[in-house]
Amino acid sequence: MRTAILLTSLISSSRAFKSPSLRLPTAANPFTRCYLCRHSRPINIHGRSVDSDLIPEEINSLVESLEAVKSLPRIRENKSFEDFNGLAVIDPKTKPTFRRLFTHETWKLHAGGSTFRRWTRCMITTPSSVILRAVAKTVCFFSIWSGLVAFFIPKLFGSAISSQIADQSLPITLCGNAIGLLLVFRTNEAYKRLVEARELMEKVVHLSGEIVSLLVSAWEPHNQTDPMSVKTSTVASVCRYLAAFAWSLRDELRDGDTRDDVLNILLPKREAKWVASQRSRALAIHGMLRRLLYQEWKSGRFPDQQHFHTEVQMNELSSVAATCERIFTSPIPPTMSRHGLRSMTLLMMALPVALSFSVPPIVNIGWTAAIGFIYLGIDELGVQVEQPFRVIPMWQLCQLVQEDILEFSLHPLELNAAA
């Protein structure tokens, strides 16, 4: 009899627990599964093991989206790799390049070891030099020209004019000095643009982290019923918008490298389609982000002080996008580059004539090739960095934005777990 009563009570209590009126509010509390299931599993994020039961559903979805973006190929399969303007992808293990963020190992490879070792490595890798590949055809043209001049000029004119053009060092020197000044000025201006562009992208990384940090300071992930706490969904959305902002800014500054697949992963389908139709995707995402933060402040969940500082960061982020557009759309005056190339052409065409009666033909060809490589190489250095966003490691910087915003969004969860 007692056994029957006990079984009846257990069945009734089990039915009561399964009753909808007595279930835990899963929609209001994303951590309900912590109480219903004690079997947690660790998730590896940035080399740290985080308990999955401590991560809200929205943040867990954010982590999965960022990991999906990270796993995308850097260059699409249908993109051509034919590029002789110094933009070919170089293995950072064999030759350090500005197109990759440096690590301790890269610095050791770049500046470590003795001077002789660095010099040897530099000489061995000369055939793979992007400058050499960029100017090789032009240098070959001037070398062929110098060979023709050195062979035919003495035979055609002989000693008739040899005494008159035997020493032409003064005009060649004057022309070389003038062209050198022009090349140095143009190259300096190009590298100033590169430095400014790199600083702007660093601001994108910094400001994105600051915005998330200010937002999560008013976030209570384990107490979403608190009316003064920012919603978890808002934190996740802000992180998605900031990551999408960085990728969209990269797309605008890189020719023919628009990544709609990134937007489709980070944003809802309707928002991704709307952003893709805008003239400036970055500014469209910036506007969406600003409206979302305003709604949180208007509802009273985002304190005035944090919202004010966030607005300051948002203004700077908008200024960064505008400055990047200014650098991209306003090059160094092309007339300067054209005049420099025409002046170098005159110099390289006249040099073999001046040397034809004073040095053997093979020496004439050698000097013409060496001087052409030096002058054209300096000009190519400026050409390669004049559009700085082609050489800045934009992909890695966008990944760094994702890393930082994910770090800041997980800090409150880890601190609560440690407590």
Protein backbone atom coordinates (compact mmCIF):
# COMPACT_ATOMS: atom_id res chain seq x y z
CA MET A 1 0.00 0.00 0.00
CA ARG A 2 2.77 2.40 0.98
CA THR A 3 4.63 1.49 -2.21
CA ALA A 4 1.58 2.36 -4.33
CA ILE A 5 1.16 5.72 -2.57
CA LEU A 6 4.84 6.52 -3.08
CA LEU A 7 4.69 5.71 -6.82
CA THR A 8 1.56 7.82 -7.22
CA SER A 9 3.23 10.82 -5.59
CA LEU A 10 6.33 10.50 -7.76
CA ILE A 11 4.27 10.35 -10.97
CA SER A 12 2.21 13.40 -9.97
CA SER A 13 5.31 15.38 -9.08
CA SER A 14 6.89 14.44 -12.41
CA ARG A 15 3.77 15.63 -14.28
CA ALA A 16 3.78 18.85 -12.28
CA PHE A 17 7.40 19.49 -13.24
CA LYS A 18 6.56 18.94 -16.92
CA SER A 19 3.59 21.30 -16.72
CA PRO A 20 4.11 24.47 -18.83
CA SER A 21 3.04 26.67 -15.91
CA LEU A 22 5.88 25.38 -13.74
CA ARG A 23 8.69 25.36 -16.32
CA LEU A 24 11.61 27.73 -16.02
CA PRO A 25 11.27 30.79 -18.27
CA THR A 26 13.71 29.77 -21.01
CA ALA A 27 13.07 32.82 -23.15
CA ALA A 28 13.81 35.21 -20.30
CA ASN A 29 16.79 33.31 -18.99
CA PRO A 30 19.28 31.95 -21.52
CA PHE A 31 21.06 30.06 -18.76
CA THR A 32 18.06 27.74 -18.06
CA ARG A 33 19.92 24.76 -19.49
CA CYS A 34 22.41 25.13 -16.63
CA TYR A 35 19.70 24.14 -14.18
CA LEU A 36 18.03 21.52 -16.35
CA CYS A 37 21.24 19.77 -17.40
CA ARG A 38 24.37 19.54 -15.34
CA HIS A 39 26.42 18.06 -18.18
CA SER A 40 28.41 21.06 -19.38
CA ARG A 41 31.03 20.96 -22.08
CA PRO A 42 34.06 23.24 -22.38
CA ILE A 43 34.42 25.44 -25.46
CA ASN A 44 37.88 26.49 -26.61
CA ILE A 45 37.96 30.20 -27.41
CA HIS A 46 41.29 31.88 -28.14
CA GLY A 47 43.12 29.09 -26.39
CA ARG A 48 40.96 29.34 -23.25
CA SER A 49 38.44 26.77 -22.10
CA VAL A 50 35.07 28.39 -21.36
CA ASP A 51 32.14 26.46 -19.91
CA SER A 52 29.38 26.30 -22.54
CA ASP A 53 26.72 26.57 -19.85
CA LEU A 54 28.05 30.01 -18.93
CA ILE A 55 27.61 31.40 -22.45
CA PRO A 56 24.18 32.82 -23.40
CA GLU A 57 22.64 31.55 -26.60
CA GLU A 58 23.14 34.88 -28.39
CA ILE A 59 26.84 35.03 -27.50
CA ASN A 60 27.33 31.39 -28.44
CA SER A 61 25.79 32.15 -31.84
CA LEU A 62 28.12 35.15 -32.14
CA VAL A 63 31.13 32.95 -31.43
CA GLU A 64 30.05 30.50 -34.12
CA SER A 65 29.54 33.30 -36.67
CA LEU A 66 32.96 34.84 -36.00
CA GLU A 67 34.60 31.45 -36.27
CA ALA A 68 32.79 30.87 -39.58
CA VAL A 69 34.13 34.18 -40.92
CA LYS A 70 37.61 33.31 -39.70
CA SER A 71 37.53 30.02 -41.61
CA LEU A 72 36.65 31.69 -44.93
CA PRO A 73 39.40 31.64 -47.59
CA ARG A 74 41.41 34.86 -47.80
CA ILE A 75 41.16 35.04 -51.59
CA ARG A 76 38.29 33.68 -53.61
CA GLU A 77 39.04 30.93 -56.10
CA ASN A 78 38.00 32.98 -59.12
CA LYS A 79 40.38 35.83 -58.32
CA SER A 80 43.42 36.11 -60.54
CA PHE A 81 46.85 35.81 -58.97
CA GLU A 82 48.57 37.60 -61.85
CA ASP A 83 49.97 40.70 -60.19
CA PHE A 84 53.33 42.23 -61.02
CA ASN A 85 52.91 45.41 -58.97
CA GLY A 86 54.40 44.01 -55.81
CA LEU A 87 51.16 42.62 -54.44
CA ALA A 88 51.83 38.90 -54.83
CA VAL A 89 51.31 36.91 -51.64
CA ILE A 90 54.69 36.06 -50.14
CA ASP A 91 55.21 33.32 -47.58
CA PRO A 92 56.01 35.17 -44.33
CA LYS A 93 58.22 32.26 -43.27
CA THR A 94 60.65 32.94 -46.10
CA LYS A 95 60.43 36.72 -46.52
CA PRO A 96 58.88 39.20 -44.04
CA THR A 97 56.45 41.57 -45.70
CA PHE A 98 54.39 44.58 -44.70
CA ARG A 99 51.32 42.74 -45.90
CA ARG A 100 51.42 40.57 -42.76
CA LEU A 101 51.33 41.56 -39.11
CA PHE A 102 54.70 40.88 -37.54
CA THR A 103 55.22 38.46 -34.67
CA HIS A 104 58.30 37.74 -32.57
CA GLU A 105 59.34 35.07 -35.06
CA THR A 106 58.90 37.47 -37.98
CA TRP A 107 61.04 40.09 -36.28
CA LYS A 108 63.76 37.51 -35.68
CA LEU A 109 63.69 36.61 -39.35
CA HIS A 110 63.64 40.25 -40.43
CA ALA A 111 66.20 41.84 -38.09
CA GLY A 112 67.76 38.96 -36.19
CA GLY A 113 71.19 37.48 -36.70
CA SER A 114 74.39 39.07 -37.92
CA THR A 115 74.71 41.66 -40.65
CA PHE A 116 76.34 39.14 -42.95
CA ARG A 117 73.48 36.69 -42.43
CA ARG A 118 70.85 39.32 -43.26
CA TRP A 119 72.84 40.41 -46.30
CA THR A 120 73.18 36.82 -47.51
CA ARG A 121 69.47 36.19 -47.08
CA CYS A 122 68.67 39.41 -48.94
CA MET A 123 70.91 38.49 -51.87
CA ILE A 124 69.59 34.93 -52.09
CA THR A 125 65.98 36.14 -52.24
CA THR A 126 66.70 38.76 -54.93
CA PRO A 127 65.08 36.71 -57.75
CA SER A 128 61.77 36.79 -55.83
CA SER A 129 61.97 40.55 -55.22
CA VAL A 130 58.66 42.25 -56.01
CA ILE A 131 60.52 45.39 -57.08
CA LEU A 132 62.67 43.43 -59.51
CA ARG A 133 59.65 41.71 -61.00
CA ALA A 134 57.84 45.03 -61.35
CA VAL A 135 60.65 46.86 -63.19
CA ALA A 136 62.29 43.91 -64.98
CA LYS A 137 60.63 44.50 -68.37
CA THR A 138 61.43 48.21 -68.40
CA VAL A 139 65.04 47.58 -67.35
CA CYS A 140 65.36 45.01 -70.15
CA PHE A 141 64.06 47.56 -72.65
CA PHE A 142 66.66 50.15 -71.61
CA SER A 143 69.40 47.49 -71.61
CA ILE A 144 68.54 46.52 -75.19
CA TRP A 145 68.51 50.19 -76.15
CA SER A 146 71.93 50.73 -74.57
CA GLY A 147 73.31 47.68 -76.41
CA LEU A 148 72.08 48.99 -79.76
CA VAL A 149 73.47 52.45 -79.05
CA ALA A 150 76.83 51.11 -77.85
CA PHE A 151 77.18 48.93 -80.95
CA PHE A 152 75.95 51.22 -83.73
CA ILE A 153 76.87 54.76 -82.62
CA PRO A 154 80.66 54.28 -82.79
CA LYS A 155 80.37 52.55 -86.18
CA LEU A 156 78.06 55.15 -87.67
CA PHE A 157 79.89 58.25 -86.46
CA GLY A 158 83.33 56.92 -85.60
CA SER A 159 85.80 59.47 -84.38
CA ALA A 160 83.92 62.38 -85.94
CA ILE A 161 81.97 63.20 -82.82
CA SER A 162 83.73 61.00 -80.26
CA SER A 163 85.78 63.90 -78.91
CA GLN A 164 82.69 66.09 -78.58
CA ILE A 165 80.57 63.67 -76.55
CA ALA A 166 83.32 61.78 -74.76
CA ASP A 167 82.70 63.59 -71.47
CA GLN A 168 79.03 64.24 -70.72
CA SER A 169 79.18 63.67 -66.97
CA LEU A 170 77.96 67.18 -66.06
CA PRO A 171 74.54 67.12 -67.82
CA ILE A 172 73.98 63.51 -66.75
CA THR A 173 74.75 64.47 -63.14
CA LEU A 174 72.43 67.48 -63.23
CA CYS A 175 69.58 65.42 -64.66
CA GLY A 176 70.17 62.63 -62.15
CA ASN A 177 70.10 65.03 -59.19
CA ALA A 178 66.85 66.66 -60.34
CA ILE A 179 65.15 63.31 -60.90
CA GLY A 180 66.43 62.03 -57.56
CA LEU A 181 64.87 64.98 -55.72
CA LEU A 182 61.56 64.41 -57.47
CA LEU A 183 61.57 60.69 -56.67
CA VAL A 184 62.43 61.27 -53.01
CA PHE A 185 59.66 63.85 -52.59
CA ARG A 186 57.05 61.64 -54.25
CA THR A 187 58.10 58.52 -52.34
CA ASN A 188 58.02 60.39 -49.02
CA GLU A 189 54.49 61.58 -49.72
CA ALA A 190 53.42 58.06 -50.62
CA TYR A 191 54.83 56.64 -47.39
CA LYS A 192 53.10 59.35 -45.36
CA ARG A 193 49.84 58.08 -46.81
CA LEU A 194 50.81 54.55 -45.81
CA VAL A 195 51.55 55.56 -42.22
CA GLU A 196 48.28 57.50 -41.95
CA ALA A 197 46.25 54.61 -43.38
CA ARG A 198 47.84 52.14 -40.96
CA GLU A 199 47.04 54.44 -38.03
CA LEU A 200 43.44 54.69 -39.20
CA MET A 201 43.03 50.92 -39.31
CA GLU A 202 44.56 50.68 -35.85
CA LYS A 203 41.87 53.13 -34.70
CA VAL A 204 39.20 50.81 -36.10
CA VAL A 205 40.62 47.99 -33.97
CA HIS A 206 40.88 50.19 -30.88
CA LEU A 207 37.50 51.91 -31.17
CA SER A 208 35.67 48.64 -31.80
CA GLY A 209 37.07 47.20 -28.59
CA GLU A 210 36.29 50.37 -26.65
CA ILE A 211 32.66 50.42 -27.77
CA VAL A 212 32.12 46.81 -26.73
CA SER A 213 33.95 47.43 -23.44
CA LEU A 214 31.68 50.39 -22.61
CA LEU A 215 28.59 48.38 -23.52
CA VAL A 216 29.43 45.29 -21.46
CA SER A 217 30.17 47.49 -18.43
CA ALA A 218 26.38 47.91 -18.17
CA TRP A 219 25.62 44.27 -18.98
CA GLU A 220 24.47 41.74 -16.38
CA PRO A 221 24.48 38.46 -18.31
CA HIS A 222 23.25 36.40 -15.35
CA ASN A 223 20.52 38.84 -14.37
CA GLN A 224 18.65 39.85 -17.51
CA THR A 225 15.56 40.72 -15.48
CA ASP A 226 17.43 43.77 -14.16
CA PRO A 227 15.87 46.82 -15.89
CA MET A 228 19.22 48.62 -15.72
CA SER A 229 21.11 45.90 -17.59
CA VAL A 230 21.84 45.98 -21.32
CA LYS A 231 20.18 43.09 -23.14
CA THR A 232 22.34 40.16 -24.17
CA SER A 233 20.91 40.33 -27.68
CA THR A 234 22.09 43.95 -27.92
CA VAL A 235 25.64 43.00 -26.92
CA ALA A 236 25.69 40.29 -29.58
CA SER A 237 24.24 42.61 -32.24
CA VAL A 238 26.74 45.37 -31.46
CA CYS A 239 29.61 42.89 -31.83
CA ARG A 240 28.20 41.69 -35.15
CA TYR A 241 27.78 45.25 -36.46
CA LEU A 242 31.34 46.22 -35.47
CA ALA A 243 32.81 43.16 -37.14
CA ALA A 244 30.70 43.81 -40.26
CA PHE A 245 31.81 47.47 -40.22
CA ALA A 246 35.48 46.49 -40.35
CA TRP A 247 34.94 44.00 -43.18
CA SER A 248 32.77 46.43 -45.15
CA LEU A 249 35.37 49.19 -44.80
CA ARG A 250 37.97 46.76 -46.09
CA ASP A 251 35.75 45.91 -49.08
CA GLU A 252 35.39 49.58 -50.00
CA LEU A 253 39.15 50.13 -49.92
CA ARG A 254 40.13 46.99 -51.84
CA ASP A 255 39.37 46.84 -55.56
CA GLY A 256 37.22 43.90 -56.65
CA ASP A 257 37.33 42.19 -53.26
CA THR A 258 33.79 42.64 -51.94
CA ARG A 259 32.90 39.82 -49.56
CA ASP A 260 29.11 39.42 -49.43
CA ASP A 261 29.66 36.04 -47.78
CA VAL A 262 30.97 37.80 -44.66
CA LEU A 263 27.86 39.99 -44.43
CA ASN A 264 25.59 36.98 -44.87
CA ILE A 265 27.28 35.24 -41.94
CA LEU A 266 27.38 38.20 -39.55
CA LEU A 267 24.03 39.88 -40.24
CA PRO A 268 20.43 38.70 -40.60
CA LYS A 269 19.44 38.06 -44.20
CA ARG A 270 17.25 41.16 -44.52
CA GLU A 271 19.87 43.47 -43.01
CA ALA A 272 22.68 41.94 -45.09
CA LYS A 273 20.68 42.49 -48.28
CA TRP A 274 19.93 46.11 -47.35
CA VAL A 275 23.55 46.88 -46.42
CA ALA A 276 24.79 45.33 -49.68
CA SER A 277 22.59 47.76 -51.65
CA GLN A 278 24.04 50.91 -50.03
CA ARG A 279 26.72 53.15 -51.55
CA SER A 280 28.81 52.98 -48.41
CA ARG A 281 28.26 49.74 -46.56
CA ALA A 282 30.45 50.81 -43.65
CA LEU A 283 28.44 53.98 -43.01
CA ALA A 284 25.15 52.09 -43.34
CA ILE A 285 26.29 49.65 -40.64
CA HIS A 286 27.51 52.60 -38.57
CA GLY A 287 24.01 54.10 -38.69
CA MET A 288 22.40 50.81 -37.66
CA LEU A 289 24.82 50.51 -34.76
CA ARG A 290 24.15 54.05 -33.58
CA ARG A 291 20.37 53.52 -33.65
CA LEU A 292 20.68 50.31 -31.65
CA LEU A 293 22.76 52.01 -28.95
CA TYR A 294 20.30 54.89 -28.82
CA GLN A 295 17.39 52.51 -28.29
CA GLU A 296 19.21 50.90 -25.36
CA TRP A 297 19.86 54.32 -23.84
CA LYS A 298 16.29 55.47 -24.45
CA SER A 299 14.90 52.39 -22.69
CA GLY A 300 16.99 53.20 -19.62
CA ARG A 301 19.17 50.11 -19.83
CA PHE A 302 22.28 51.98 -20.99
CA PRO A 303 23.51 54.65 -18.50
CA ASP A 304 23.98 58.23 -19.65
CA GLN A 305 27.71 58.32 -19.01
CA GLN A 306 28.45 55.14 -20.95
CA HIS A 307 26.20 56.26 -23.80
CA PHE A 308 27.98 59.62 -23.98
CA HIS A 309 31.41 58.01 -24.18
CA THR A 310 30.11 55.50 -26.72
CA GLU A 311 28.84 58.36 -28.89
CA VAL A 312 32.32 59.92 -28.77
CA GLN A 313 33.79 56.63 -29.98
CA MET A 314 31.14 56.37 -32.69
CA ASN A 315 32.00 59.86 -33.94
CA GLU A 316 35.66 58.87 -34.19
CA LEU A 317 34.73 55.68 -36.00
CA SER A 318 32.74 57.68 -38.55
CA SER A 319 35.68 60.08 -38.94
CA VAL A 320 37.99 57.13 -39.60
CA ALA A 321 35.73 55.90 -42.42
CA ALA A 322 35.61 59.39 -43.95
CA THR A 323 39.40 59.82 -43.77
CA CYS A 324 39.95 56.42 -45.35
CA GLU A 325 37.67 57.44 -48.20
CA ARG A 326 39.63 60.69 -48.59
CA ILE A 327 42.96 58.82 -48.85
CA PHE A 328 41.48 56.33 -51.31
CA THR A 329 39.85 58.91 -53.60
CA SER A 330 42.63 61.55 -53.52
CA PRO A 331 45.99 60.25 -54.79
CA ILE A 332 49.24 62.13 -55.11
CA PRO A 333 48.80 64.32 -58.23
CA PRO A 334 49.30 61.93 -61.18
CA THR A 335 51.11 64.68 -63.10
CA MET A 336 54.03 64.30 -60.70
CA SER A 337 54.33 60.60 -61.43
CA ARG A 338 54.04 61.08 -65.18
CA HIS A 339 56.67 63.83 -65.23
CA GLY A 340 59.03 61.67 -63.16
CA LEU A 341 58.68 58.73 -65.56
CA ARG A 342 59.23 60.93 -68.61
CA SER A 343 62.30 62.49 -67.03
CA MET A 344 63.74 59.07 -66.18
CA THR A 345 63.09 57.94 -69.75
CA LEU A 346 65.08 60.88 -71.13
CA LEU A 347 67.92 60.14 -68.74
CA MET A 348 68.02 56.42 -69.52
CA MET A 349 67.87 57.06 -73.29
CA ALA A 350 70.70 59.62 -73.15
CA LEU A 351 72.96 57.69 -70.76
CA PRO A 352 74.09 55.02 -73.28
CA VAL A 353 74.91 57.73 -75.83
CA ALA A 354 77.12 59.52 -73.31
CA LEU A 355 78.89 56.27 -72.39
CA SER A 356 79.23 54.81 -75.89
CA PHE A 357 82.67 56.33 -76.62
CA SER A 358 84.15 56.01 -73.14
CA VAL A 359 83.35 52.44 -72.05
CA PRO A 360 83.00 49.07 -73.82
CA PRO A 361 79.48 48.02 -74.92
CA ILE A 362 79.11 45.38 -72.20
CA VAL A 363 79.97 47.93 -69.52
CA ASN A 364 77.55 50.38 -71.11
CA ILE A 365 74.75 47.81 -70.87
CA GLY A 366 75.66 46.96 -67.28
CA TRP A 367 75.62 50.57 -66.08
CA THR A 368 72.37 51.29 -67.87
CA ALA A 369 70.70 48.26 -66.31
CA ALA A 370 72.00 49.07 -62.81
CA ILE A 371 71.00 52.75 -62.92
CA GLY A 372 67.63 51.88 -64.43
CA PHE A 373 66.95 49.33 -61.69
CA ILE A 374 67.80 51.87 -58.98
CA TYR A 375 65.77 54.77 -60.34
CA LEU A 376 62.79 52.74 -61.52
CA GLY A 377 62.85 50.75 -58.25
CA ILE A 378 62.59 53.92 -56.18
CA ASP A 379 59.68 55.06 -58.32
CA GLU A 380 58.03 51.65 -57.94
CA LEU A 381 58.34 51.85 -54.14
CA GLY A 382 56.18 54.96 -54.21
CA VAL A 383 53.73 53.46 -56.69
CA GLN A 384 53.15 50.37 -54.57
CA VAL A 385 52.25 52.25 -51.39
CA GLU A 386 50.44 55.23 -52.91
CA GLN A 387 47.21 53.26 -52.56
CA PRO A 388 48.13 52.09 -49.02
CA PHE A 389 45.12 49.86 -48.45
CA ARG A 390 46.49 47.43 -51.05
CA VAL A 391 49.54 46.67 -48.90
CA ILE A 392 48.14 47.02 -45.38
CA PRO A 393 47.24 43.60 -43.88
CA MET A 394 43.52 44.38 -43.95
CA TRP A 395 42.43 40.75 -43.58
CA GLN A 396 44.46 40.25 -40.43
CA LEU A 397 43.33 43.59 -39.00
CA CYS A 398 39.68 42.67 -39.52
CA GLN A 399 40.37 39.38 -37.80
CA LEU A 400 41.97 41.35 -34.97
CA VAL A 401 38.78 43.41 -34.63
CA GLN A 402 36.83 40.18 -34.23
CA GLU A 403 39.30 38.87 -31.66
CA ASP A 404 39.08 42.04 -29.57
CA ILE A 405 35.30 42.39 -29.53
CA LEU A 406 34.92 38.72 -28.67
CA GLU A 407 37.43 39.10 -25.83
CA PHE A 408 35.52 42.04 -24.35
CA SER A 409 32.15 40.34 -24.72
CA LEU A 410 33.38 37.25 -22.84
CA HIS A 411 35.02 39.11 -19.97
CA PRO A 412 31.85 39.47 -17.83
CA LEU A 413 31.06 35.78 -18.30
CA GLU A 414 34.54 34.69 -17.29
CA LEU A 415 34.64 37.03 -14.29
CA ASN A 416 31.28 35.72 -13.04
CA ALA A 417 32.48 32.16 -13.51
CA ALA A 418 35.66 32.88 -11.56
CA ALA A 419 33.63 34.44 -8.74
